[in-house]
Protein backbone atom coordinates (compact mmCIF):
# COMPACT_ATOMS: atom_id res chain seq x y z
CA MET A 1 34.02 183.11 128.68
CA PHE A 2 37.27 181.60 127.47
CA LYS A 3 37.49 180.32 123.94
CA SER A 4 39.03 176.89 123.46
CA LEU A 5 42.23 176.78 121.41
CA LYS A 6 41.39 173.30 120.10
CA THR A 7 40.62 173.36 116.42
CA THR A 8 37.30 171.96 115.42
CA VAL A 9 37.44 169.19 112.85
CA PRO A 10 34.35 168.32 110.85
CA ASP A 11 32.77 164.95 111.53
CA VAL A 12 33.10 163.98 107.89
CA GLU A 13 36.89 164.33 107.94
CA THR A 14 37.13 162.41 111.22
CA ASN A 15 35.17 159.51 109.85
CA LYS A 16 37.25 159.58 106.69
CA SER A 17 40.53 159.44 108.59
CA GLU A 18 39.24 156.58 110.76
CA ASN A 19 38.27 154.63 107.65
CA GLU A 20 41.71 155.20 106.15
CA LEU A 21 43.40 153.96 109.33
CA GLN A 22 41.26 150.84 109.35
CA GLN A 23 42.63 149.92 105.93
CA PHE A 24 46.15 149.69 107.38
CA GLN A 25 45.26 147.32 110.20
CA HIS A 26 47.39 144.18 110.01
CA THR A 27 45.51 140.91 110.17
CA THR A 28 47.33 137.60 110.10
CA THR A 29 45.57 135.23 107.72
CA SER A 30 48.22 132.54 107.38
CA SER A 31 48.84 130.00 110.14
CA ALA A 32 51.86 128.37 108.47
CA THR A 33 55.23 128.51 110.18
CA PRO A 34 57.48 131.03 108.41
CA ASN A 35 60.69 129.45 107.14
CA PRO A 36 63.83 131.60 107.05
CA LEU A 37 65.12 132.41 103.58
CA PRO A 38 68.78 131.84 102.69
CA GLY A 39 71.05 134.84 103.00
CA ILE A 40 71.76 136.99 99.96
CA LYS A 41 74.99 138.38 98.59
CA LEU A 42 75.20 142.17 98.29
CA PRO A 43 76.92 144.29 95.63
CA LYS A 44 80.62 145.01 96.10
CA THR A 45 81.25 147.87 93.68
CA GLN A 46 79.81 151.36 93.34
CA SER A 47 78.48 150.64 89.86
CA GLN A 48 76.56 147.60 91.10
CA TRP A 49 74.95 149.65 93.88
CA ALA A 50 74.04 152.37 91.35
CA GLU A 51 72.44 149.75 89.09
CA ALA A 52 70.44 148.35 92.02
CA ASN A 53 69.35 151.86 93.02
CA ALA A 54 68.13 152.59 89.49
CA TYR A 55 66.25 149.29 89.40
CA PHE A 56 64.43 150.00 92.68
CA HIS A 57 63.58 153.56 91.56
CA GLN A 58 61.92 152.14 88.48
CA LYS A 59 60.11 149.38 90.39
CA PHE A 60 58.85 151.58 93.24
CA VAL A 61 57.69 154.53 91.17
CA ASP A 62 54.21 154.18 92.69
CA LEU A 63 55.50 153.82 96.23
CA CYS A 64 53.14 156.40 97.72
CA VAL A 65 50.03 154.69 96.38
CA VAL A 66 49.25 152.12 99.06
CA GLU A 67 45.84 150.49 99.16
CA ASP A 68 46.61 147.22 100.94
CA ILE A 69 49.43 147.39 103.50
CA ASN A 70 49.89 143.60 103.64
CA HIS A 71 50.19 143.25 99.88
CA PHE A 72 52.47 146.28 99.68
CA THR A 73 54.83 144.96 102.38
CA SER A 74 55.03 141.50 100.82
CA THR A 75 55.68 142.90 97.34
CA PHE A 76 58.25 145.38 98.65
CA GLN A 77 60.25 142.73 100.51
CA ASN A 78 60.05 140.12 97.75
CA THR A 79 61.18 142.59 95.09
CA ILE A 80 64.30 143.56 97.03
CA TYR A 81 65.14 139.99 98.02
CA ASN A 82 64.58 138.50 94.56
CA TYR A 83 66.71 141.17 92.89
CA PHE A 84 69.77 140.54 95.05
CA ALA A 85 69.21 136.75 95.09
CA ASN A 86 68.87 136.46 91.30
CA THR A 87 71.61 138.98 90.49
CA PHE A 88 74.30 138.19 93.07
CA GLY A 89 73.21 134.80 94.43
CA THR A 90 72.47 133.43 97.88
CA VAL A 91 74.69 132.31 100.73
CA LYS A 92 74.72 128.60 101.50
CA PRO A 93 73.94 127.92 105.16
CA LYS A 94 76.75 126.39 107.16
CA THR A 95 75.82 122.93 108.38
CA SER A 96 77.70 121.80 111.44
CA THR A 97 78.02 118.18 112.53
CA ASN A 98 79.05 119.17 116.04
CA GLN A 99 76.42 118.08 118.55
CA ASN A 100 76.73 121.27 120.63
CA SER A 101 76.29 123.48 117.56
CA VAL A 102 73.16 121.59 116.53
CA ILE A 103 71.67 121.98 120.00
CA LYS A 104 72.43 125.72 119.99
CA GLN A 105 70.69 126.12 116.64
CA LEU A 106 67.65 124.23 117.90
CA LYS A 107 67.49 126.39 121.04
CA LYS A 108 67.65 129.52 118.90
CA LYS A 109 64.83 128.19 116.72
CA LEU A 110 62.77 127.36 119.81
CA LYS A 111 63.25 130.88 121.14
CA ASN A 112 62.01 132.39 117.87
CA LEU A 113 59.01 130.06 117.81
CA LYS A 114 58.06 131.07 121.35
CA ILE A 115 58.22 134.74 120.37
CA LEU A 116 55.98 134.10 117.36
CA GLY A 117 53.62 131.97 119.44
CA ARG A 118 52.89 134.53 122.15
CA ASN A 119 49.70 135.66 120.42
CA ASN A 120 49.28 132.78 117.99
CA ASN A 121 48.44 129.25 119.13
CA SER A 122 49.25 127.76 115.72
CA PHE A 123 52.94 127.51 116.73
CA ASN A 124 52.26 125.21 119.70
CA ASN A 125 52.87 121.98 117.77
CA ASP A 126 56.16 123.29 116.39
CA ILE A 127 57.29 124.39 119.84
CA ILE A 128 56.51 120.95 121.31
CA ALA A 129 58.31 119.15 118.46
CA VAL A 130 61.46 121.26 118.74
CA SER A 131 61.48 120.92 122.53
CA LYS A 132 61.33 117.12 122.27
CA LEU A 133 64.13 117.14 119.70
CA ILE A 134 66.35 119.24 121.99
CA ARG A 135 65.73 116.89 124.93
CA SER A 136 66.56 113.90 122.72
CA LYS A 137 69.81 115.52 121.54
CA LEU A 138 70.81 116.38 125.10
CA HIS A 139 70.06 112.83 126.25
CA ASN A 140 72.21 111.32 123.49
CA SER A 141 75.06 113.76 124.11
CA LYS A 142 75.36 112.51 127.71
CA ARG A 143 76.40 109.09 126.39
CA PRO A 144 79.73 109.73 124.65
CA GLY A 145 81.14 107.06 122.41
CA LYS A 146 77.89 105.30 121.62
CA SER A 147 77.52 106.84 118.17
CA ALA A 148 81.15 106.03 117.41
CA ASP A 149 80.63 102.41 118.50
CA GLN A 150 77.64 102.07 116.22
CA SER A 151 79.59 103.36 113.23
CA ASP A 152 82.56 101.07 113.88
CA VAL A 153 81.87 97.68 112.32
CA SER A 154 84.62 95.91 114.25
CA ILE A 155 83.13 96.95 117.60
CA GLN A 156 79.69 95.82 116.48
CA LEU A 157 81.06 92.43 115.47
CA SER A 158 82.88 92.01 118.77
CA LYS A 159 79.76 92.83 120.79
CA ASN A 160 77.22 90.73 118.91
CA PHE A 161 78.59 88.98 115.84
CA TRP A 162 75.41 87.50 114.35
CA LYS A 163 73.31 90.58 114.99
CA ALA A 164 75.94 92.76 113.32
CA CYS A 165 76.12 90.40 110.33
CA LYS A 166 72.36 90.50 109.97
CA GLN A 167 72.33 94.31 110.04
CA ILE A 168 75.15 94.52 107.48
CA PHE A 169 74.05 91.88 104.97
CA SER A 170 70.24 91.98 105.24
CA PRO A 171 69.77 95.23 103.25
CA THR A 172 71.84 93.88 100.36
CA THR A 173 70.13 92.15 97.46
CA THR A 174 71.10 88.50 97.14
CA THR A 175 72.41 87.65 93.67
CA PRO A 176 72.09 83.99 92.65
CA PRO A 177 75.24 82.42 91.16
CA SER A 178 75.43 81.81 87.42
CA PHE A 179 76.82 78.27 87.90
CA ASP A 180 75.68 75.13 89.70
CA VAL A 181 77.50 72.94 92.21
CA GLU A 182 78.83 70.52 89.58
CA LYS A 183 80.43 73.28 87.48
CA GLY A 184 81.98 74.82 90.57
CA CYS A 185 83.45 71.51 91.75
CA ASN A 186 84.92 70.72 88.33
CA PHE A 187 86.48 74.17 88.03
CA PHE A 188 88.16 74.17 91.44
CA TYR A 189 89.23 70.51 91.07
CA SER A 190 91.00 71.19 87.77
CA ALA A 191 92.48 74.46 89.09
CA MET A 192 94.00 72.72 92.12
CA LYS A 193 95.51 69.93 89.99
CA ALA A 194 97.02 72.30 87.38
CA ASP A 195 100.73 73.09 87.56
CA ASP A 196 102.40 76.50 87.29
CA LYS A 197 102.98 76.23 83.54
CA CYS A 198 99.33 75.63 82.75
CA ASN A 199 97.48 78.54 81.15
CA TYR A 200 94.44 79.79 83.01
CA ASN A 201 91.28 79.75 80.94
CA ILE A 202 88.41 81.81 82.26
CA PRO A 203 85.21 79.71 82.14
CA ASP A 204 82.19 81.01 80.31
CA TRP A 205 80.05 81.28 83.47
CA ILE A 206 82.34 83.98 84.92
CA PRO A 207 81.29 87.46 83.67
CA SER A 208 83.84 88.89 81.28
CA LEU A 209 85.66 92.08 82.23
CA PRO A 210 84.96 95.26 80.25
CA LEU A 211 87.57 96.58 77.85
CA PRO A 212 89.98 99.17 79.30
CA SER A 213 88.96 102.77 78.83
CA PHE A 214 92.50 103.79 77.79
CA GLY A 215 95.58 101.96 76.58
CA GLY A 216 98.39 101.29 79.01
CA ASP A 217 102.03 102.12 78.35
CA VAL A 218 103.79 98.74 78.23
CA GLY A 219 106.99 100.05 76.63
CA PRO A 220 110.33 100.11 78.48
CA PRO A 221 111.09 103.20 80.60
CA THR A 222 113.28 105.92 79.13
CA TYR A 223 116.69 106.92 80.44
CA GLU A 224 115.24 110.11 81.95
CA GLU A 225 112.55 108.18 83.86
CA VAL A 226 115.13 105.75 85.27
CA SER A 227 117.38 108.64 86.31
CA ASN A 228 114.51 110.34 88.14
CA ILE A 229 113.67 107.13 90.00
CA VAL A 230 117.30 106.61 91.06
CA ARG A 231 117.62 110.25 92.15
CA ARG A 232 114.46 110.08 94.28
CA THR A 233 115.66 106.85 95.89
CA LEU A 234 119.00 108.43 96.86
CA VAL A 235 117.23 111.48 98.29
CA ASP A 236 114.92 109.29 100.38
CA GLN A 237 117.85 107.28 101.73
CA ARG A 238 119.75 110.42 102.76
CA ALA A 239 116.69 111.83 104.47
């Protein structure tokens, strides 16, 4: 009879190890779409890295004691991210107005959503929404010049004058005048009859202008200022 070389393990230890492994099984409880966090700035000097290393040593002193793997992973990642984000700041994402760059970013987002949605149907709505947005962007990019025409007021007025006027002036709030027709007629009638030597008196129904925030220099220019002006004029003429 040959003796087996396989070591015999008691049933109690086997059940214990199986129970310990079951505690580390990952179960997804959240169905929300994960949003990417902004990038973080890292230390640049040796002393800053040493300070960060000492901070993490103090925070993760009980690193080996893990009871809940999900809670441990979340706490571990958040501690590292929050330290660098609060100490050194975050990187602002670069926003591009180029149509091709926007489409590339949307395609990259769609690819990540499809990877996350392989075993999770909660991402289906996000995948459909991003796909529709990409198709809309591609459809608009095939018509060059339309967005520029819409932003150019002169082109809008030449195409459809009254429609453009309605779009421009409708959002504005109409302000009623502070004078009636009789006051307006009297003012313009007297202004047209006045000669050049007549002083202009601002009527009381015209809002008064605010006082200047700083006093203007009404004195004559100095000799140095006049010399600089003449010198600049001669230089411009020679050029």
